[in-house]
Amino acid sequence: MSFLSGCKEKAINPEGDIPLFKDFIEENIDKVADDPYISSTVRPENEMYEVLLKLQRGIP
């Protein structure tokens, strides 16, 4: 026999987190990353870079 139960929790309000990170945000809001490809795993020196770039741009 198994029982499933759940509890109703209050929704998380992301606005409540802002005070926790306010100092960090103020210190870093205008910083520019040294690496323009920081969020990408494929870089211009990789073989797949041109292929993926063309795919993104819809170039056959």
PDB file of N, CA and C in Angstrom:
ATOM      1  N   MET A   1       0.840  -1.160   0.000  1.00  0.00           N
ATOM      2  CA  MET A   1       0.000   0.000   0.000  1.00  0.00           C
ATOM      3  C   MET A   1       0.897   1.238   0.000  1.00  0.00           C
ATOM      4  N   SER A   2       0.574   2.168  -0.805  1.00  0.00           N
ATOM      5  CA  SER A   2       1.372   3.392  -0.834  1.00  0.00           C
ATOM      6  C   SER A   2       0.463   4.596  -0.714  1.00  0.00           C
ATOM      7  N   PHE A   3       1.010   5.625  -0.175  1.00  0.00           N
ATOM      8  CA  PHE A   3       0.260   6.861   0.007  1.00  0.00           C
ATOM      9  C   PHE A   3       0.996   7.992  -0.696  1.00  0.00           C
ATOM     10  N   LEU A   4       0.251   8.790  -1.374  1.00  0.00           N
ATOM     11  CA  LEU A   4       0.819   9.989  -1.975  1.00  0.00           C
ATOM     12  C   LEU A   4       0.281  11.183  -1.207  1.00  0.00           C
ATOM     13  N   SER A   5       1.163  12.020  -0.837  1.00  0.00           N
ATOM     14  CA  SER A   5       0.695  13.220  -0.145  1.00  0.00           C
ATOM     15  C   SER A   5       1.500  14.402  -0.645  1.00  0.00           C
ATOM     16  N   GLY A   6       0.910  15.519  -0.558  1.00  0.00           N
ATOM     17  CA  GLY A   6       1.585  16.736  -0.985  1.00  0.00           C
ATOM     18  C   GLY A   6       1.250  17.844  -0.015  1.00  0.00           C
ATOM     19  N   CYS A   7       2.043  18.843  -0.066  1.00  0.00           N
ATOM     20  CA  CYS A   7       1.750  19.971   0.791  1.00  0.00           C
ATOM     21  C   CYS A   7       1.707  21.225  -0.072  1.00  0.00           C
ATOM     22  N   LYS A   8       0.853  22.078   0.318  1.00  0.00           N
ATOM     23  CA  LYS A   8       0.705  23.317  -0.424  1.00  0.00           C
ATOM     24  C   LYS A   8       1.677  24.327   0.171  1.00  0.00           C
ATOM     25  N   GLU A   9       2.638  24.734  -0.632  1.00  0.00           N
ATOM     26  CA  GLU A   9       3.617  25.715  -0.183  1.00  0.00           C
ATOM     27  C   GLU A   9       3.324  27.043  -0.853  1.00  0.00           C
ATOM     28  N   LYS A  10       3.779  28.072  -0.211  1.00  0.00           N
ATOM     29  CA  LYS A  10       3.631  29.392  -0.812  1.00  0.00           C
ATOM     30  C   LYS A  10       4.538  29.489  -2.026  1.00  0.00           C
ATOM     31  N   ALA A  11       4.086  30.208  -3.008  1.00  0.00           N
ATOM     32  CA  ALA A  11       4.907  30.427  -4.201  1.00  0.00           C
ATOM     33  C   ALA A  11       6.130  31.253  -3.810  1.00  0.00           C
ATOM     34  N   ILE A  12       7.251  30.933  -4.414  1.00  0.00           N
ATOM     35  CA  ILE A  12       8.485  31.665  -4.140  1.00  0.00           C
ATOM     36  C   ILE A  12       8.459  32.977  -4.905  1.00  0.00           C
ATOM     37  N   ASN A  13       8.759  34.037  -4.219  1.00  0.00           N
ATOM     38  CA  ASN A  13       8.795  35.354  -4.835  1.00  0.00           C
ATOM     39  C   ASN A  13      10.256  35.738  -5.075  1.00  0.00           C
ATOM     40  N   PRO A  14      10.709  35.734  -6.330  1.00  0.00           N
ATOM     41  CA  PRO A  14      12.110  36.060  -6.609  1.00  0.00           C
ATOM     42  C   PRO A  14      12.488  37.478  -6.180  1.00  0.00           C
ATOM     43  N   GLU A  15      11.519  38.358  -6.097  1.00  0.00           N
ATOM     44  CA  GLU A  15      11.810  39.727  -5.662  1.00  0.00           C
ATOM     45  C   GLU A  15      12.368  39.740  -4.240  1.00  0.00           C
ATOM     46  N   GLY A  16      12.013  38.733  -3.447  1.00  0.00           N
ATOM     47  CA  GLY A  16      12.496  38.652  -2.080  1.00  0.00           C
ATOM     48  C   GLY A  16      13.984  38.358  -1.998  1.00  0.00           C
ATOM     49  N   ASP A  17      14.576  37.852  -3.071  1.00  0.00           N
ATOM     50  CA  ASP A  17      16.003  37.536  -3.086  1.00  0.00           C
ATOM     51  C   ASP A  17      16.876  38.749  -3.405  1.00  0.00           C
ATOM     52  N   ILE A  18      16.281  39.777  -3.973  1.00  0.00           N
ATOM     53  CA  ILE A  18      17.064  40.936  -4.411  1.00  0.00           C
ATOM     54  C   ILE A  18      17.873  41.552  -3.272  1.00  0.00           C
ATOM     55  N   PRO A  19      17.316  41.744  -2.087  1.00  0.00           N
ATOM     56  CA  PRO A  19      18.146  42.310  -1.012  1.00  0.00           C
ATOM     57  C   PRO A  19      19.374  41.454  -0.693  1.00  0.00           C
ATOM     58  N   LEU A  20      19.275  40.154  -0.860  1.00  0.00           N
ATOM     59  CA  LEU A  20      20.397  39.263  -0.573  1.00  0.00           C
ATOM     60  C   LEU A  20      21.554  39.473  -1.547  1.00  0.00           C
ATOM     61  N   PHE A  21      21.240  39.859  -2.767  1.00  0.00           N
ATOM     62  CA  PHE A  21      22.252  39.998  -3.808  1.00  0.00           C
ATOM     63  C   PHE A  21      22.492  41.447  -4.218  1.00  0.00           C
ATOM     64  N   LYS A  22      21.876  42.377  -3.505  1.00  0.00           N
ATOM     65  CA  LYS A  22      21.941  43.785  -3.897  1.00  0.00           C
ATOM     66  C   LYS A  22      23.383  44.284  -4.028  1.00  0.00           C
ATOM     67  N   ASP A  23      24.235  44.004  -3.043  1.00  0.00           N
ATOM     68  CA  ASP A  23      25.626  44.465  -3.108  1.00  0.00           C
ATOM     69  C   ASP A  23      26.349  43.878  -4.318  1.00  0.00           C
ATOM     70  N   PHE A  24      26.154  42.585  -4.556  1.00  0.00           N
ATOM     71  CA  PHE A  24      26.794  41.934  -5.699  1.00  0.00           C
ATOM     72  C   PHE A  24      26.308  42.546  -7.006  1.00  0.00           C
ATOM     73  N   ILE A  25      25.018  42.768  -7.112  1.00  0.00           N
ATOM     74  CA  ILE A  25      24.450  43.346  -8.337  1.00  0.00           C
ATOM     75  C   ILE A  25      25.016  44.744  -8.572  1.00  0.00           C
ATOM     76  N   GLU A  26      25.051  45.564  -7.518  1.00  0.00           N
ATOM     77  CA  GLU A  26      25.558  46.928  -7.678  1.00  0.00           C
ATOM     78  C   GLU A  26      27.033  46.948  -8.083  1.00  0.00           C
ATOM     79  N   GLU A  27      27.819  46.010  -7.571  1.00  0.00           N
ATOM     80  CA  GLU A  27      29.241  45.954  -7.908  1.00  0.00           C
ATOM     81  C   GLU A  27      29.480  45.462  -9.332  1.00  0.00           C
ATOM     82  N   ASN A  28      28.582  44.642  -9.851  1.00  0.00           N
ATOM     83  CA  ASN A  28      28.830  43.973 -11.123  1.00  0.00           C
ATOM     84  C   ASN A  28      27.913  44.384 -12.267  1.00  0.00           C
ATOM     85  N   ILE A  29      26.997  45.295 -12.032  1.00  0.00           N
ATOM     86  CA  ILE A  29      25.984  45.621 -13.038  1.00  0.00           C
ATOM     87  C   ILE A  29      26.593  46.165 -14.335  1.00  0.00           C
ATOM     88  N   ASP A  30      27.677  46.901 -14.249  1.00  0.00           N
ATOM     89  CA  ASP A  30      28.255  47.502 -15.448  1.00  0.00           C
ATOM     90  C   ASP A  30      29.486  46.766 -15.974  1.00  0.00           C
ATOM     91  N   LYS A  31      29.803  45.638 -15.395  1.00  0.00           N
ATOM     92  CA  LYS A  31      30.992  44.892 -15.837  1.00  0.00           C
ATOM     93  C   LYS A  31      30.724  44.216 -17.173  1.00  0.00           C
ATOM     94  N   VAL A  32      31.750  44.181 -17.986  1.00  0.00           N
ATOM     95  CA  VAL A  32      31.681  43.503 -19.270  1.00  0.00           C
ATOM     96  C   VAL A  32      32.637  42.315 -19.198  1.00  0.00           C
ATOM     97  N   ALA A  33      32.161  41.158 -19.590  1.00  0.00           N
ATOM     98  CA  ALA A  33      32.992  39.958 -19.544  1.00  0.00           C
ATOM     99  C   ALA A  33      34.181  40.092 -20.487  1.00  0.00           C
ATOM    100  N   ASP A  34      35.315  39.567 -20.053  1.00  0.00           N
ATOM    101  CA  ASP A  34      36.510  39.574 -20.896  1.00  0.00           C
ATOM    102  C   ASP A  34      36.352  38.624 -22.080  1.00  0.00           C
ATOM    103  N   ASP A  35      35.492  37.652 -21.921  1.00  0.00           N
ATOM    104  CA  ASP A  35      35.307  36.608 -22.932  1.00  0.00           C
ATOM    105  C   ASP A  35      33.912  36.713 -23.547  1.00  0.00           C
ATOM    106  N   PRO A  36      33.789  37.178 -24.797  1.00  0.00           N
ATOM    107  CA  PRO A  36      32.471  37.316 -25.408  1.00  0.00           C
ATOM    108  C   PRO A  36      31.782  35.969 -25.658  1.00  0.00           C
ATOM    109  N   TYR A  37      32.520  34.868 -25.576  1.00  0.00           N
ATOM    110  CA  TYR A  37      31.949  33.544 -25.805  1.00  0.00           C
ATOM    111  C   TYR A  37      31.754  32.797 -24.492  1.00  0.00           C
ATOM    112  N   ILE A  38      31.659  33.508 -23.382  1.00  0.00           N
ATOM    113  CA  ILE A  38      31.619  32.889 -22.061  1.00  0.00           C
ATOM    114  C   ILE A  38      30.461  31.898 -21.903  1.00  0.00           C
ATOM    115  N   SER A  39      29.353  32.130 -22.561  1.00  0.00           N
ATOM    116  CA  SER A  39      28.197  31.245 -22.397  1.00  0.00           C
ATOM    117  C   SER A  39      28.139  30.148 -23.458  1.00  0.00           C
ATOM    118  N   SER A  40      29.132  30.075 -24.293  1.00  0.00           N
ATOM    119  CA  SER A  40      29.118  29.101 -25.376  1.00  0.00           C
ATOM    120  C   SER A  40      30.188  28.032 -25.177  1.00  0.00           C
ATOM    121  N   THR A  41      29.833  26.813 -25.521  1.00  0.00           N
ATOM    122  CA  THR A  41      30.824  25.736 -25.461  1.00  0.00           C
ATOM    123  C   THR A  41      31.582  25.616 -26.777  1.00  0.00           C
ATOM    124  N   VAL A  42      31.101  26.287 -27.819  1.00  0.00           N
ATOM    125  CA  VAL A  42      31.755  26.252 -29.125  1.00  0.00           C
ATOM    126  C   VAL A  42      32.382  27.624 -29.379  1.00  0.00           C
ATOM    127  N   ARG A  43      33.650  27.618 -29.668  1.00  0.00           N
ATOM    128  CA  ARG A  43      34.415  28.849 -29.874  1.00  0.00           C
ATOM    129  C   ARG A  43      34.867  28.934 -31.327  1.00  0.00           C
ATOM    130  N   PRO A  44      35.261  30.118 -31.785  1.00  0.00           N
ATOM    131  CA  PRO A  44      35.694  30.264 -33.181  1.00  0.00           C
ATOM    132  C   PRO A  44      36.806  29.308 -33.590  1.00  0.00           C
ATOM    133  N   GLU A  45      37.643  28.888 -32.668  1.00  0.00           N
ATOM    134  CA  GLU A  45      38.724  27.973 -33.035  1.00  0.00           C
ATOM    135  C   GLU A  45      38.261  26.517 -33.163  1.00  0.00           C
ATOM    136  N   ASN A  46      37.012  26.211 -32.767  1.00  0.00           N
ATOM    137  CA  ASN A  46      36.484  24.853 -32.884  1.00  0.00           C
ATOM    138  C   ASN A  46      35.996  24.573 -34.302  1.00  0.00           C
ATOM    139  N   GLU A  47      36.118  23.317 -34.727  1.00  0.00           N
ATOM    140  CA  GLU A  47      35.697  22.920 -36.075  1.00  0.00           C
ATOM    141  C   GLU A  47      34.206  23.161 -36.309  1.00  0.00           C
ATOM    142  N   MET A  48      33.407  22.986 -35.279  1.00  0.00           N
ATOM    143  CA  MET A  48      31.955  23.094 -35.434  1.00  0.00           C
ATOM    144  C   MET A  48      31.451  24.536 -35.418  1.00  0.00           C
ATOM    145  N   TYR A  49      32.313  25.494 -35.127  1.00  0.00           N
ATOM    146  CA  TYR A  49      31.876  26.878 -34.990  1.00  0.00           C
ATOM    147  C   TYR A  49      31.191  27.396 -36.255  1.00  0.00           C
ATOM    148  N   GLU A  50      31.843  27.273 -37.393  1.00  0.00           N
ATOM    149  CA  GLU A  50      31.275  27.778 -38.655  1.00  0.00           C
ATOM    150  C   GLU A  50      29.978  27.046 -39.016  1.00  0.00           C
ATOM    151  N   VAL A  51      29.952  25.741 -38.773  1.00  0.00           N
ATOM    152  CA  VAL A  51      28.758  24.951 -39.076  1.00  0.00           C
ATOM    153  C   VAL A  51      27.580  25.450 -38.244  1.00  0.00           C
ATOM    154  N   LEU A  52      27.797  25.618 -36.942  1.00  0.00           N
ATOM    155  CA  LEU A  52      26.720  26.074 -36.061  1.00  0.00           C
ATOM    156  C   LEU A  52      26.324  27.521 -36.340  1.00  0.00           C
ATOM    157  N   LEU A  53      27.284  28.344 -36.692  1.00  0.00           N
ATOM    158  CA  LEU A  53      26.981  29.731 -37.037  1.00  0.00           C
ATOM    159  C   LEU A  53      26.074  29.805 -38.259  1.00  0.00           C
ATOM    160  N   LYS A  54      26.391  29.014 -39.277  1.00  0.00           N
ATOM    161  CA  LYS A  54      25.553  28.970 -40.469  1.00  0.00           C
ATOM    162  C   LYS A  54      24.173  28.403 -40.148  1.00  0.00           C
ATOM    163  N   LEU A  55      24.109  27.412 -39.304  1.00  0.00           N
ATOM    164  CA  LEU A  55      22.833  26.823 -38.897  1.00  0.00           C
ATOM    165  C   LEU A  55      21.969  27.857 -38.177  1.00  0.00           C
ATOM    166  N   GLN A  56      22.570  28.613 -37.263  1.00  0.00           N
ATOM    167  CA  GLN A  56      21.850  29.653 -36.542  1.00  0.00           C
ATOM    168  C   GLN A  56      21.345  30.746 -37.465  1.00  0.00           C
ATOM    169  N   ARG A  57      22.107  31.040 -38.485  1.00  0.00           N
ATOM    170  CA  ARG A  57      21.750  32.108 -39.409  1.00  0.00           C
ATOM    171  C   ARG A  57      20.891  31.629 -40.570  1.00  0.00           C
ATOM    172  N   GLY A  58      20.617  30.340 -40.621  1.00  0.00           N
ATOM    173  CA  GLY A  58      19.787  29.777 -41.690  1.00  0.00           C
ATOM    174  C   GLY A  58      20.476  29.740 -43.032  1.00  0.00           C
ATOM    175  N   ILE A  59      21.790  29.687 -43.021  1.00  0.00           N
ATOM    176  CA  ILE A  59      22.574  29.616 -44.258  1.00  0.00           C
ATOM    177  C   ILE A  59      22.826  28.151 -44.580  1.00  0.00           C
ATOM    178  N   PRO A  60      22.482  27.707 -45.796  1.00  0.00           N
ATOM    179  CA  PRO A  60      22.692  26.291 -46.143  1.00  0.00           C
ATOM    180  C   PRO A  60      24.159  25.927 -46.310  1.00  0.00           C
TER     181      PRO A  60
END
